[in-house]
Amino acid sequence: MPAHPTLFLKRSVYERYGGYDTSYRIAGDFEFIARVFPDPSLRYACLPDQLVRMPRGGLSTAGPRSNWIITREMQRACAKNAIPTNLLKLLLRFPVKITEFLAPG
C-alpha cells in the first residue's frame, strides 16, 4: 500500500470512484486505494523523496483492539474489491510492522 499522506490524485479520480467509504473506522484509506489502483488507465509514479514524516501512534496503532479492527476492515475491503486474501495473509503483516517500531526515529 502506498503511503497515503503523500498520495496526490486528480479530482477526476475522486469524481470517478468517489471518496473514502466512511463505513470503515480505520481502513478507509486501504479500501480507497484497493478500489482505485487496479484501474489500468491510471498512471502513477513513486518519488524517491520523503515528503511526510508520520509520527508513531494514531488510531490504527492504538493497541490490540485497533489492530484487530483494521485487520477485519482490510479483509472486508479486499472482499468488496475482489482482491483474493485471507485472514492469515493479513496477519502476516504484523512481523514486518514490528520492525517499524524497533527502528530509530
PDB file of N, CA and C in Angstrom:
ATOM      1  N   MET A   1       0.843  -1.175   0.000  1.00  0.00           N
ATOM      2  CA  MET A   1       0.000   0.000   0.000  1.00  0.00           C
ATOM      3  C   MET A   1       0.886   1.234   0.000  1.00  0.00           C
ATOM      4  N   PRO A   2       0.629   2.145  -0.909  1.00  0.00           N
ATOM      5  CA  PRO A   2       1.437   3.372  -0.907  1.00  0.00           C
ATOM      6  C   PRO A   2       1.125   4.227   0.308  1.00  0.00           C
ATOM      7  N   ALA A   3       2.084   5.026   0.686  1.00  0.00           N
ATOM      8  CA  ALA A   3       1.876   5.935   1.817  1.00  0.00           C
ATOM      9  C   ALA A   3       0.831   6.970   1.417  1.00  0.00           C
ATOM     10  N   HIS A   4      -0.312   6.942   2.047  1.00  0.00           N
ATOM     11  CA  HIS A   4      -1.415   7.804   1.615  1.00  0.00           C
ATOM     12  C   HIS A   4      -1.266   9.274   1.977  1.00  0.00           C
ATOM     13  N   PRO A   5      -0.449   9.680   2.944  1.00  0.00           N
ATOM     14  CA  PRO A   5      -0.308  11.124   3.168  1.00  0.00           C
ATOM     15  C   PRO A   5       0.360  11.843   1.990  1.00  0.00           C
ATOM     16  N   THR A   6       1.053  11.108   1.156  1.00  0.00           N
ATOM     17  CA  THR A   6       1.707  11.721   0.002  1.00  0.00           C
ATOM     18  C   THR A   6       1.150  11.178  -1.304  1.00  0.00           C
ATOM     19  N   LEU A   7      -0.100  10.815  -1.287  1.00  0.00           N
ATOM     20  CA  LEU A   7      -0.768  10.315  -2.478  1.00  0.00           C
ATOM     21  C   LEU A   7      -1.546  11.464  -3.104  1.00  0.00           C
ATOM     22  N   PHE A   8      -1.078  11.921  -4.250  1.00  0.00           N
ATOM     23  CA  PHE A   8      -1.708  13.040  -4.939  1.00  0.00           C
ATOM     24  C   PHE A   8      -2.514  12.501  -6.111  1.00  0.00           C
ATOM     25  N   LEU A   9      -3.798  12.844  -6.155  1.00  0.00           N
ATOM     26  CA  LEU A   9      -4.682  12.371  -7.212  1.00  0.00           C
ATOM     27  C   LEU A   9      -5.411  13.539  -7.853  1.00  0.00           C
ATOM     28  N   LYS A  10      -5.700  13.399  -9.120  1.00  0.00           N
ATOM     29  CA  LYS A  10      -6.504  14.405  -9.795  1.00  0.00           C
ATOM     30  C   LYS A  10      -7.952  14.314  -9.314  1.00  0.00           C
ATOM     31  N   ARG A  11      -8.640  15.425  -9.381  1.00  0.00           N
ATOM     32  CA  ARG A  11     -10.041  15.475  -8.981  1.00  0.00           C
ATOM     33  C   ARG A  11     -10.871  14.447  -9.763  1.00  0.00           C
ATOM     34  N   SER A  12     -10.512  14.224 -11.021  1.00  0.00           N
ATOM     35  CA  SER A  12     -11.275  13.290 -11.851  1.00  0.00           C
ATOM     36  C   SER A  12     -11.288  11.874 -11.276  1.00  0.00           C
ATOM     37  N   VAL A  13     -10.235  11.478 -10.549  1.00  0.00           N
ATOM     38  CA  VAL A  13     -10.206  10.156  -9.922  1.00  0.00           C
ATOM     39  C   VAL A  13     -11.280  10.084  -8.839  1.00  0.00           C
ATOM     40  N   TYR A  14     -11.390  11.117  -8.027  1.00  0.00           N
ATOM     41  CA  TYR A  14     -12.425  11.147  -6.993  1.00  0.00           C
ATOM     42  C   TYR A  14     -13.811  11.225  -7.615  1.00  0.00           C
ATOM     43  N   GLU A  15     -13.934  11.949  -8.710  1.00  0.00           N
ATOM     44  CA  GLU A  15     -15.230  12.044  -9.387  1.00  0.00           C
ATOM     45  C   GLU A  15     -15.650  10.691  -9.954  1.00  0.00           C
ATOM     46  N   ARG A  16     -14.686   9.919 -10.428  1.00  0.00           N
ATOM     47  CA  ARG A  16     -14.990   8.603 -10.998  1.00  0.00           C
ATOM     48  C   ARG A  16     -15.257   7.551  -9.932  1.00  0.00           C
ATOM     49  N   TYR A  17     -14.470   7.549  -8.852  1.00  0.00           N
ATOM     50  CA  TYR A  17     -14.544   6.483  -7.852  1.00  0.00           C
ATOM     51  C   TYR A  17     -15.200   6.891  -6.542  1.00  0.00           C
ATOM     52  N   GLY A  18     -15.390   8.168  -6.333  1.00  0.00           N
ATOM     53  CA  GLY A  18     -15.900   8.620  -5.044  1.00  0.00           C
ATOM     54  C   GLY A  18     -14.760   8.747  -4.056  1.00  0.00           C
ATOM     55  N   GLY A  19     -15.088   9.163  -2.852  1.00  0.00           N
ATOM     56  CA  GLY A  19     -14.077   9.335  -1.816  1.00  0.00           C
ATOM     57  C   GLY A  19     -13.952   8.110  -0.932  1.00  0.00           C
ATOM     58  N   TYR A  20     -13.470   8.342   0.258  1.00  0.00           N
ATOM     59  CA  TYR A  20     -13.319   7.261   1.229  1.00  0.00           C
ATOM     60  C   TYR A  20     -14.693   6.765   1.661  1.00  0.00           C
ATOM     61  N   ASP A  21     -14.803   5.479   1.856  1.00  0.00           N
ATOM     62  CA  ASP A  21     -16.020   4.865   2.377  1.00  0.00           C
ATOM     63  C   ASP A  21     -15.983   5.015   3.898  1.00  0.00           C
ATOM     64  N   THR A  22     -16.857   5.840   4.427  1.00  0.00           N
ATOM     65  CA  THR A  22     -16.819   6.154   5.855  1.00  0.00           C
ATOM     66  C   THR A  22     -17.378   5.037   6.742  1.00  0.00           C
ATOM     67  N   SER A  23     -17.800   3.928   6.153  1.00  0.00           N
ATOM     68  CA  SER A  23     -18.216   2.796   6.981  1.00  0.00           C
ATOM     69  C   SER A  23     -17.005   2.076   7.579  1.00  0.00           C
ATOM     70  N   TYR A  24     -15.816   2.412   7.084  1.00  0.00           N
ATOM     71  CA  TYR A  24     -14.582   1.857   7.644  1.00  0.00           C
ATOM     72  C   TYR A  24     -14.088   2.816   8.722  1.00  0.00           C
ATOM     73  N   ARG A  25     -13.917   2.319   9.935  1.00  0.00           N
ATOM     74  CA  ARG A  25     -13.461   3.175  11.035  1.00  0.00           C
ATOM     75  C   ARG A  25     -11.986   3.521  10.912  1.00  0.00           C
ATOM     76  N   ILE A  26     -11.186   2.565  10.425  1.00  0.00           N
ATOM     77  CA  ILE A  26      -9.735   2.757  10.381  1.00  0.00           C
ATOM     78  C   ILE A  26      -9.180   2.567   8.964  1.00  0.00           C
ATOM     79  N   ALA A  27      -9.691   1.618   8.212  1.00  0.00           N
ATOM     80  CA  ALA A  27      -9.083   1.213   6.942  1.00  0.00           C
ATOM     81  C   ALA A  27      -9.734   1.860   5.719  1.00  0.00           C
ATOM     82  N   GLY A  28     -10.315   3.035   5.861  1.00  0.00           N
ATOM     83  CA  GLY A  28     -10.906   3.720   4.713  1.00  0.00           C
ATOM     84  C   GLY A  28      -9.892   4.027   3.633  1.00  0.00           C
ATOM     85  N   ASP A  29      -8.684   4.380   4.023  1.00  0.00           N
ATOM     86  CA  ASP A  29      -7.621   4.652   3.046  1.00  0.00           C
ATOM     87  C   ASP A  29      -7.248   3.384   2.284  1.00  0.00           C
ATOM     88  N   PHE A  30      -7.163   2.281   3.001  1.00  0.00           N
ATOM     89  CA  PHE A  30      -6.839   0.995   2.382  1.00  0.00           C
ATOM     90  C   PHE A  30      -7.902   0.623   1.349  1.00  0.00           C
ATOM     91  N   GLU A  31      -9.179   0.761   1.733  1.00  0.00           N
ATOM     92  CA  GLU A  31     -10.266   0.402   0.822  1.00  0.00           C
ATOM     93  C   GLU A  31     -10.260   1.300  -0.408  1.00  0.00           C
ATOM     94  N   PHE A  32     -10.019   2.585  -0.209  1.00  0.00           N
ATOM     95  CA  PHE A  32      -9.994   3.525  -1.333  1.00  0.00           C
ATOM     96  C   PHE A  32      -8.905   3.143  -2.334  1.00  0.00           C
ATOM     97  N   ILE A  33      -7.719   2.875  -1.841  1.00  0.00           N
ATOM     98  CA  ILE A  33      -6.597   2.508  -2.709  1.00  0.00           C
ATOM     99  C   ILE A  33      -6.869   1.167  -3.397  1.00  0.00           C
ATOM    100  N   ALA A  34      -7.480   0.230  -2.662  1.00  0.00           N
ATOM    101  CA  ALA A  34      -7.831  -1.062  -3.262  1.00  0.00           C
ATOM    102  C   ALA A  34      -8.855  -0.887  -4.377  1.00  0.00           C
ATOM    103  N   ARG A  35      -9.707   0.090  -4.245  1.00  0.00           N
ATOM    104  CA  ARG A  35     -10.748   0.358  -5.253  1.00  0.00           C
ATOM    105  C   ARG A  35     -10.178   1.067  -6.485  1.00  0.00           C
ATOM    106  N   VAL A  36      -9.250   1.987  -6.285  1.00  0.00           N
ATOM    107  CA  VAL A  36      -8.767   2.848  -7.357  1.00  0.00           C
ATOM    108  C   VAL A  36      -7.583   2.255  -8.123  1.00  0.00           C
ATOM    109  N   PHE A  37      -6.611   1.706  -7.441  1.00  0.00           N
ATOM    110  CA  PHE A  37      -5.355   1.322  -8.087  1.00  0.00           C
ATOM    111  C   PHE A  37      -5.460   0.215  -9.139  1.00  0.00           C
ATOM    112  N   PRO A  38      -6.425  -0.676  -9.094  1.00  0.00           N
ATOM    113  CA  PRO A  38      -6.494  -1.681 -10.165  1.00  0.00           C
ATOM    114  C   PRO A  38      -6.844  -1.112 -11.548  1.00  0.00           C
ATOM    115  N   ASP A  39      -7.291   0.131 -11.634  1.00  0.00           N
ATOM    116  CA  ASP A  39      -7.664   0.743 -12.907  1.00  0.00           C
ATOM    117  C   ASP A  39      -6.417   0.893 -13.787  1.00  0.00           C
ATOM    118  N   PRO A  40      -6.331   0.141 -14.884  1.00  0.00           N
ATOM    119  CA  PRO A  40      -5.128   0.207 -15.721  1.00  0.00           C
ATOM    120  C   PRO A  40      -4.952   1.534 -16.459  1.00  0.00           C
ATOM    121  N   SER A  41      -5.996   2.344 -16.512  1.00  0.00           N
ATOM    122  CA  SER A  41      -5.859   3.625 -17.210  1.00  0.00           C
ATOM    123  C   SER A  41      -5.178   4.687 -16.349  1.00  0.00           C
ATOM    124  N   LEU A  42      -5.058   4.424 -15.056  1.00  0.00           N
ATOM    125  CA  LEU A  42      -4.394   5.385 -14.171  1.00  0.00           C
ATOM    126  C   LEU A  42      -2.887   5.189 -14.243  1.00  0.00           C
ATOM    127  N   ARG A  43      -2.177   6.294 -14.293  1.00  0.00           N
ATOM    128  CA  ARG A  43      -0.718   6.258 -14.281  1.00  0.00           C
ATOM    129  C   ARG A  43      -0.244   6.772 -12.933  1.00  0.00           C
ATOM    130  N   TYR A  44       0.835   6.216 -12.466  1.00  0.00           N
ATOM    131  CA  TYR A  44       1.389   6.685 -11.201  1.00  0.00           C
ATOM    132  C   TYR A  44       2.896   6.584 -11.225  1.00  0.00           C
ATOM    133  N   ALA A  45       3.503   7.319 -10.322  1.00  0.00           N
ATOM    134  CA  ALA A  45       4.958   7.295 -10.181  1.00  0.00           C
ATOM    135  C   ALA A  45       5.289   7.386  -8.705  1.00  0.00           C
ATOM    136  N   CYS A  46       6.400   6.820  -8.349  1.00  0.00           N
ATOM    137  CA  CYS A  46       6.870   6.871  -6.975  1.00  0.00           C
ATOM    138  C   CYS A  46       8.037   7.853  -6.912  1.00  0.00           C
ATOM    139  N   LEU A  47       7.910   8.849  -6.058  1.00  0.00           N
ATOM    140  CA  LEU A  47       9.005   9.798  -5.865  1.00  0.00           C
ATOM    141  C   LEU A  47       9.957   9.231  -4.820  1.00  0.00           C
ATOM    142  N   PRO A  48      11.230   9.293  -5.037  1.00  0.00           N
ATOM    143  CA  PRO A  48      12.168   8.733  -4.069  1.00  0.00           C
ATOM    144  C   PRO A  48      12.392   9.639  -2.855  1.00  0.00           C
ATOM    145  N   ASP A  49      11.727  10.793  -2.827  1.00  0.00           N
ATOM    146  CA  ASP A  49      11.932  11.746  -1.738  1.00  0.00           C
ATOM    147  C   ASP A  49      10.935  11.519  -0.602  1.00  0.00           C
ATOM    148  N   GLN A  50      11.376  11.800   0.609  1.00  0.00           N
ATOM    149  CA  GLN A  50      10.476  11.739   1.756  1.00  0.00           C
ATOM    150  C   GLN A  50       9.771  13.091   1.863  1.00  0.00           C
ATOM    151  N   LEU A  51       8.457  13.083   1.719  1.00  0.00           N
ATOM    152  CA  LEU A  51       7.678  14.321   1.766  1.00  0.00           C
ATOM    153  C   LEU A  51       6.978  14.525   3.104  1.00  0.00           C
ATOM    154  N   VAL A  52       6.682  13.428   3.791  1.00  0.00           N
ATOM    155  CA  VAL A  52       5.965  13.488   5.060  1.00  0.00           C
ATOM    156  C   VAL A  52       6.628  12.529   6.027  1.00  0.00           C
ATOM    157  N   ARG A  53       6.738  12.949   7.270  1.00  0.00           N
ATOM    158  CA  ARG A  53       7.234  12.045   8.308  1.00  0.00           C
ATOM    159  C   ARG A  53       6.094  11.813   9.279  1.00  0.00           C
ATOM    160  N   MET A  54       5.580  10.602   9.274  1.00  0.00           N
ATOM    161  CA  MET A  54       4.436  10.261  10.114  1.00  0.00           C
ATOM    162  C   MET A  54       4.914   9.891  11.517  1.00  0.00           C
ATOM    163  N   PRO A  55       4.344  10.510  12.527  1.00  0.00           N
ATOM    164  CA  PRO A  55       4.695  10.095  13.885  1.00  0.00           C
ATOM    165  C   PRO A  55       4.061   8.751  14.199  1.00  0.00           C
ATOM    166  N   ARG A  56       4.663   8.041  15.118  1.00  0.00           N
ATOM    167  CA  ARG A  56       4.061   6.778  15.557  1.00  0.00           C
ATOM    168  C   ARG A  56       2.820   7.091  16.375  1.00  0.00           C
ATOM    169  N   GLY A  57       1.921   6.146  16.355  1.00  0.00           N
ATOM    170  CA  GLY A  57       0.692   6.323  17.113  1.00  0.00           C
ATOM    171  C   GLY A  57      -0.479   6.550  16.184  1.00  0.00           C
ATOM    172  N   GLY A  58      -1.590   6.900  16.748  1.00  0.00           N
ATOM    173  CA  GLY A  58      -2.801   7.092  15.958  1.00  0.00           C
ATOM    174  C   GLY A  58      -3.757   5.942  16.154  1.00  0.00           C
ATOM    175  N   LEU A  59      -4.908   6.075  15.573  1.00  0.00           N
ATOM    176  CA  LEU A  59      -5.968   5.098  15.762  1.00  0.00           C
ATOM    177  C   LEU A  59      -5.594   3.713  15.257  1.00  0.00           C
ATOM    178  N   SER A  60      -4.878   3.650  14.150  1.00  0.00           N
ATOM    179  CA  SER A  60      -4.569   2.339  13.572  1.00  0.00           C
ATOM    180  C   SER A  60      -3.537   1.551  14.372  1.00  0.00           C
ATOM    181  N   THR A  61      -2.837   2.201  15.287  1.00  0.00           N
ATOM    182  CA  THR A  61      -1.827   1.503  16.098  1.00  0.00           C
ATOM    183  C   THR A  61      -2.079   1.687  17.587  1.00  0.00           C
ATOM    184  N   ALA A  62      -3.333   1.844  17.967  1.00  0.00           N
ATOM    185  CA  ALA A  62      -3.675   2.147  19.357  1.00  0.00           C
ATOM    186  C   ALA A  62      -3.694   0.919  20.267  1.00  0.00           C
ATOM    187  N   GLY A  63      -3.404  -0.239  19.745  1.00  0.00           N
ATOM    188  CA  GLY A  63      -3.373  -1.422  20.582  1.00  0.00           C
ATOM    189  C   GLY A  63      -3.988  -2.626  19.895  1.00  0.00           C
ATOM    190  N   PRO A  64      -4.078  -3.736  20.604  1.00  0.00           N
ATOM    191  CA  PRO A  64      -4.583  -4.981  20.003  1.00  0.00           C
ATOM    192  C   PRO A  64      -5.997  -4.855  19.423  1.00  0.00           C
ATOM    193  N   ARG A  65      -6.863  -4.120  20.100  1.00  0.00           N
ATOM    194  CA  ARG A  65      -8.238  -3.986  19.587  1.00  0.00           C
ATOM    195  C   ARG A  65      -8.259  -3.248  18.249  1.00  0.00           C
ATOM    196  N   SER A  66      -7.517  -2.166  18.146  1.00  0.00           N
ATOM    197  CA  SER A  66      -7.488  -1.433  16.873  1.00  0.00           C
ATOM    198  C   SER A  66      -6.813  -2.260  15.787  1.00  0.00           C
ATOM    199  N   ASN A  67      -5.800  -3.047  16.155  1.00  0.00           N
ATOM    200  CA  ASN A  67      -5.163  -3.932  15.172  1.00  0.00           C
ATOM    201  C   ASN A  67      -6.155  -4.961  14.646  1.00  0.00           C
ATOM    202  N   TRP A  68      -6.990  -5.475  15.529  1.00  0.00           N
ATOM    203  CA  TRP A  68      -7.999  -6.447  15.114  1.00  0.00           C
ATOM    204  C   TRP A  68      -9.032  -5.776  14.204  1.00  0.00           C
ATOM    205  N   ILE A  69      -9.473  -4.582  14.571  1.00  0.00           N
ATOM    206  CA  ILE A  69     -10.463  -3.856  13.759  1.00  0.00           C
ATOM    207  C   ILE A  69      -9.910  -3.574  12.367  1.00  0.00           C
ATOM    208  N   ILE A  70      -8.694  -3.061  12.276  1.00  0.00           N
ATOM    209  CA  ILE A  70      -8.139  -2.742  10.961  1.00  0.00           C
ATOM    210  C   ILE A  70      -7.927  -4.000  10.130  1.00  0.00           C
ATOM    211  N   THR A  71      -7.539  -5.093  10.755  1.00  0.00           N
ATOM    212  CA  THR A  71      -7.351  -6.345  10.022  1.00  0.00           C
ATOM    213  C   THR A  71      -8.672  -6.828   9.439  1.00  0.00           C
ATOM    214  N   ARG A  72      -9.719  -6.784  10.229  1.00  0.00           N
ATOM    215  CA  ARG A  72     -11.046  -7.205   9.736  1.00  0.00           C
ATOM    216  C   ARG A  72     -11.542  -6.246   8.652  1.00  0.00           C
ATOM    217  N   GLU A  73     -11.279  -4.951   8.807  1.00  0.00           N
ATOM    218  CA  GLU A  73     -11.700  -3.993   7.788  1.00  0.00           C
ATOM    219  C   GLU A  73     -10.914  -4.187   6.498  1.00  0.00           C
ATOM    220  N   MET A  74      -9.648  -4.510   6.594  1.00  0.00           N
ATOM    221  CA  MET A  74      -8.857  -4.792   5.397  1.00  0.00           C
ATOM    222  C   MET A  74      -9.387  -6.038   4.696  1.00  0.00           C
ATOM    223  N   GLN A  75      -9.769  -7.042   5.464  1.00  0.00           N
ATOM    224  CA  GLN A  75     -10.345  -8.258   4.892  1.00  0.00           C
ATOM    225  C   GLN A  75     -11.651  -7.919   4.164  1.00  0.00           C
ATOM    226  N   ARG A  76     -12.482  -7.082   4.754  1.00  0.00           N
ATOM    227  CA  ARG A  76     -13.747  -6.662   4.134  1.00  0.00           C
ATOM    228  C   ARG A  76     -13.478  -5.855   2.862  1.00  0.00           C
ATOM    229  N   ALA A  77     -12.483  -4.959   2.906  1.00  0.00           N
ATOM    230  CA  ALA A  77     -12.142  -4.148   1.729  1.00  0.00           C
ATOM    231  C   ALA A  77     -11.654  -5.031   0.582  1.00  0.00           C
ATOM    232  N   CYS A  78     -10.864  -6.029   0.893  1.00  0.00           N
ATOM    233  CA  CYS A  78     -10.388  -6.943  -0.150  1.00  0.00           C
ATOM    234  C   CYS A  78     -11.557  -7.702  -0.765  1.00  0.00           C
ATOM    235  N   ALA A  79     -12.456  -8.191   0.062  1.00  0.00           N
ATOM    236  CA  ALA A  79     -13.628  -8.904  -0.460  1.00  0.00           C
ATOM    237  C   ALA A  79     -14.478  -7.986  -1.336  1.00  0.00           C
ATOM    238  N   LYS A  80     -14.699  -6.763  -0.875  1.00  0.00           N
ATOM    239  CA  LYS A  80     -15.509  -5.798  -1.623  1.00  0.00           C
ATOM    240  C   LYS A  80     -14.902  -5.490  -2.986  1.00  0.00           C
ATOM    241  N   ASN A  81     -13.587  -5.494  -3.076  1.00  0.00           N
ATOM    242  CA  ASN A  81     -12.897  -5.116  -4.307  1.00  0.00           C
ATOM    243  C   ASN A  81     -12.290  -6.310  -5.045  1.00  0.00           C
ATOM    244  N   ALA A  82     -12.786  -7.503  -4.736  1.00  0.00           N
ATOM    245  CA  ALA A  82     -12.386  -8.744  -5.422  1.00  0.00           C
ATOM    246  C   ALA A  82     -10.879  -8.971  -5.390  1.00  0.00           C
ATOM    247  N   ILE A  83     -10.263  -8.708  -4.244  1.00  0.00           N
ATOM    248  CA  ILE A  83      -8.832  -8.968  -4.054  1.00  0.00           C
ATOM    249  C   ILE A  83      -8.718 -10.240  -3.220  1.00  0.00           C
ATOM    250  N   PRO A  84      -8.144 -11.287  -3.791  1.00  0.00           N
ATOM    251  CA  PRO A  84      -8.062 -12.537  -3.037  1.00  0.00           C
ATOM    252  C   PRO A  84      -7.110 -12.412  -1.845  1.00  0.00           C
ATOM    253  N   THR A  85      -7.586 -12.773  -0.686  1.00  0.00           N
ATOM    254  CA  THR A  85      -6.763 -12.783   0.529  1.00  0.00           C
ATOM    255  C   THR A  85      -7.465 -13.643   1.562  1.00  0.00           C
ATOM    256  N   ASN A  86      -6.862 -13.749   2.702  1.00  0.00           N
ATOM    257  CA  ASN A  86      -7.496 -14.420   3.838  1.00  0.00           C
ATOM    258  C   ASN A  86      -6.908 -13.815   5.110  1.00  0.00           C
ATOM    259  N   LEU A  87      -7.489 -14.181   6.208  1.00  0.00           N
ATOM    260  CA  LEU A  87      -7.089 -13.596   7.484  1.00  0.00           C
ATOM    261  C   LEU A  87      -5.619 -13.869   7.793  1.00  0.00           C
ATOM    262  N   LEU A  88      -5.137 -15.062   7.493  1.00  0.00           N
ATOM    263  CA  LEU A  88      -3.733 -15.390   7.773  1.00  0.00           C
ATOM    264  C   LEU A  88      -2.792 -14.475   6.989  1.00  0.00           C
ATOM    265  N   LYS A  89      -3.061 -14.250   5.716  1.00  0.00           N
ATOM    266  CA  LYS A  89      -2.206 -13.357   4.916  1.00  0.00           C
ATOM    267  C   LYS A  89      -2.170 -11.958   5.524  1.00  0.00           C
ATOM    268  N   LEU A  90      -3.320 -11.482   5.955  1.00  0.00           N
ATOM    269  CA  LEU A  90      -3.368 -10.139   6.528  1.00  0.00           C
ATOM    270  C   LEU A  90      -2.626 -10.070   7.858  1.00  0.00           C
ATOM    271  N   LEU A  91      -2.689 -11.126   8.625  1.00  0.00           N
ATOM    272  CA  LEU A  91      -1.986 -11.142   9.911  1.00  0.00           C
ATOM    273  C   LEU A  91      -0.472 -11.223   9.735  1.00  0.00           C
ATOM    274  N   LEU A  92      -0.014 -11.715   8.597  1.00  0.00           N
ATOM    275  CA  LEU A  92       1.422 -11.831   8.348  1.00  0.00           C
ATOM    276  C   LEU A  92       2.108 -10.470   8.218  1.00  0.00           C
ATOM    277  N   ARG A  93       1.340  -9.403   8.114  1.00  0.00           N
ATOM    278  CA  ARG A  93       1.968  -8.081   8.023  1.00  0.00           C
ATOM    279  C   ARG A  93       2.504  -7.617   9.380  1.00  0.00           C
ATOM    280  N   PHE A  94       2.061  -8.206  10.468  1.00  0.00           N
ATOM    281  CA  PHE A  94       2.489  -7.750  11.791  1.00  0.00           C
ATOM    282  C   PHE A  94       3.967  -7.976  12.083  1.00  0.00           C
ATOM    283  N   PRO A  95       4.574  -9.088  11.692  1.00  0.00           N
ATOM    284  CA  PRO A  95       6.023  -9.200  11.919  1.00  0.00           C
ATOM    285  C   PRO A  95       6.810  -8.078  11.236  1.00  0.00           C
ATOM    286  N   VAL A  96       6.372  -7.659  10.062  1.00  0.00           N
ATOM    287  CA  VAL A  96       7.049  -6.567   9.365  1.00  0.00           C
ATOM    288  C   VAL A  96       6.816  -5.257  10.111  1.00  0.00           C
ATOM    289  N   LYS A  97       5.611  -5.053  10.594  1.00  0.00           N
ATOM    290  CA  LYS A  97       5.286  -3.810  11.312  1.00  0.00           C
ATOM    291  C   LYS A  97       6.094  -3.682  12.614  1.00  0.00           C
ATOM    292  N   ILE A  98       6.417  -4.796  13.229  1.00  0.00           N
ATOM    293  CA  ILE A  98       7.205  -4.758  14.466  1.00  0.00           C
ATOM    294  C   ILE A  98       8.553  -4.107  14.199  1.00  0.00           C
ATOM    295  N   THR A  99       9.144  -4.366  13.048  1.00  0.00           N
ATOM    296  CA  THR A  99      10.437  -3.758  12.735  1.00  0.00           C
ATOM    297  C   THR A  99      10.340  -2.233  12.641  1.00  0.00           C
ATOM    298  N   GLU A 100       9.159  -1.716  12.270  1.00  0.00           N
ATOM    299  CA  GLU A 100       8.983  -0.263  12.215  1.00  0.00           C
ATOM    300  C   GLU A 100       9.130   0.359  13.608  1.00  0.00           C
ATOM    301  N   PHE A 101       8.655  -0.344  14.617  1.00  0.00           N
ATOM    302  CA  PHE A 101       8.722   0.173  15.980  1.00  0.00           C
ATOM    303  C   PHE A 101      10.113   0.029  16.575  1.00  0.00           C
ATOM    304  N   LEU A 102      10.893  -0.897  16.043  1.00  0.00           N
ATOM    305  CA  LEU A 102      12.251  -1.095  16.528  1.00  0.00           C
ATOM    306  C   LEU A 102      13.235  -0.130  15.882  1.00  0.00           C
ATOM    307  N   ALA A 103      12.858   0.421  14.729  1.00  0.00           N
ATOM    308  CA  ALA A 103      13.736   1.343  14.020  1.00  0.00           C
ATOM    309  C   ALA A 103      13.831   2.665  14.789  1.00  0.00           C
ATOM    310  N   PRO A 104      15.004   3.281  14.793  1.00  0.00           N
ATOM    311  CA  PRO A 104      15.121   4.571  15.481  1.00  0.00           C
ATOM    312  C   PRO A 104      14.282   5.641  14.793  1.00  0.00           C
ATOM    313  N   GLY A 105      13.788   6.547  15.585  1.00  0.00           N
ATOM    314  CA  GLY A 105      13.155   7.652  14.939  1.00  0.00           C
ATOM    315  C   GLY A 105      11.847   8.055  15.343  1.00  0.00           C
TER     316      GLY A 105
END
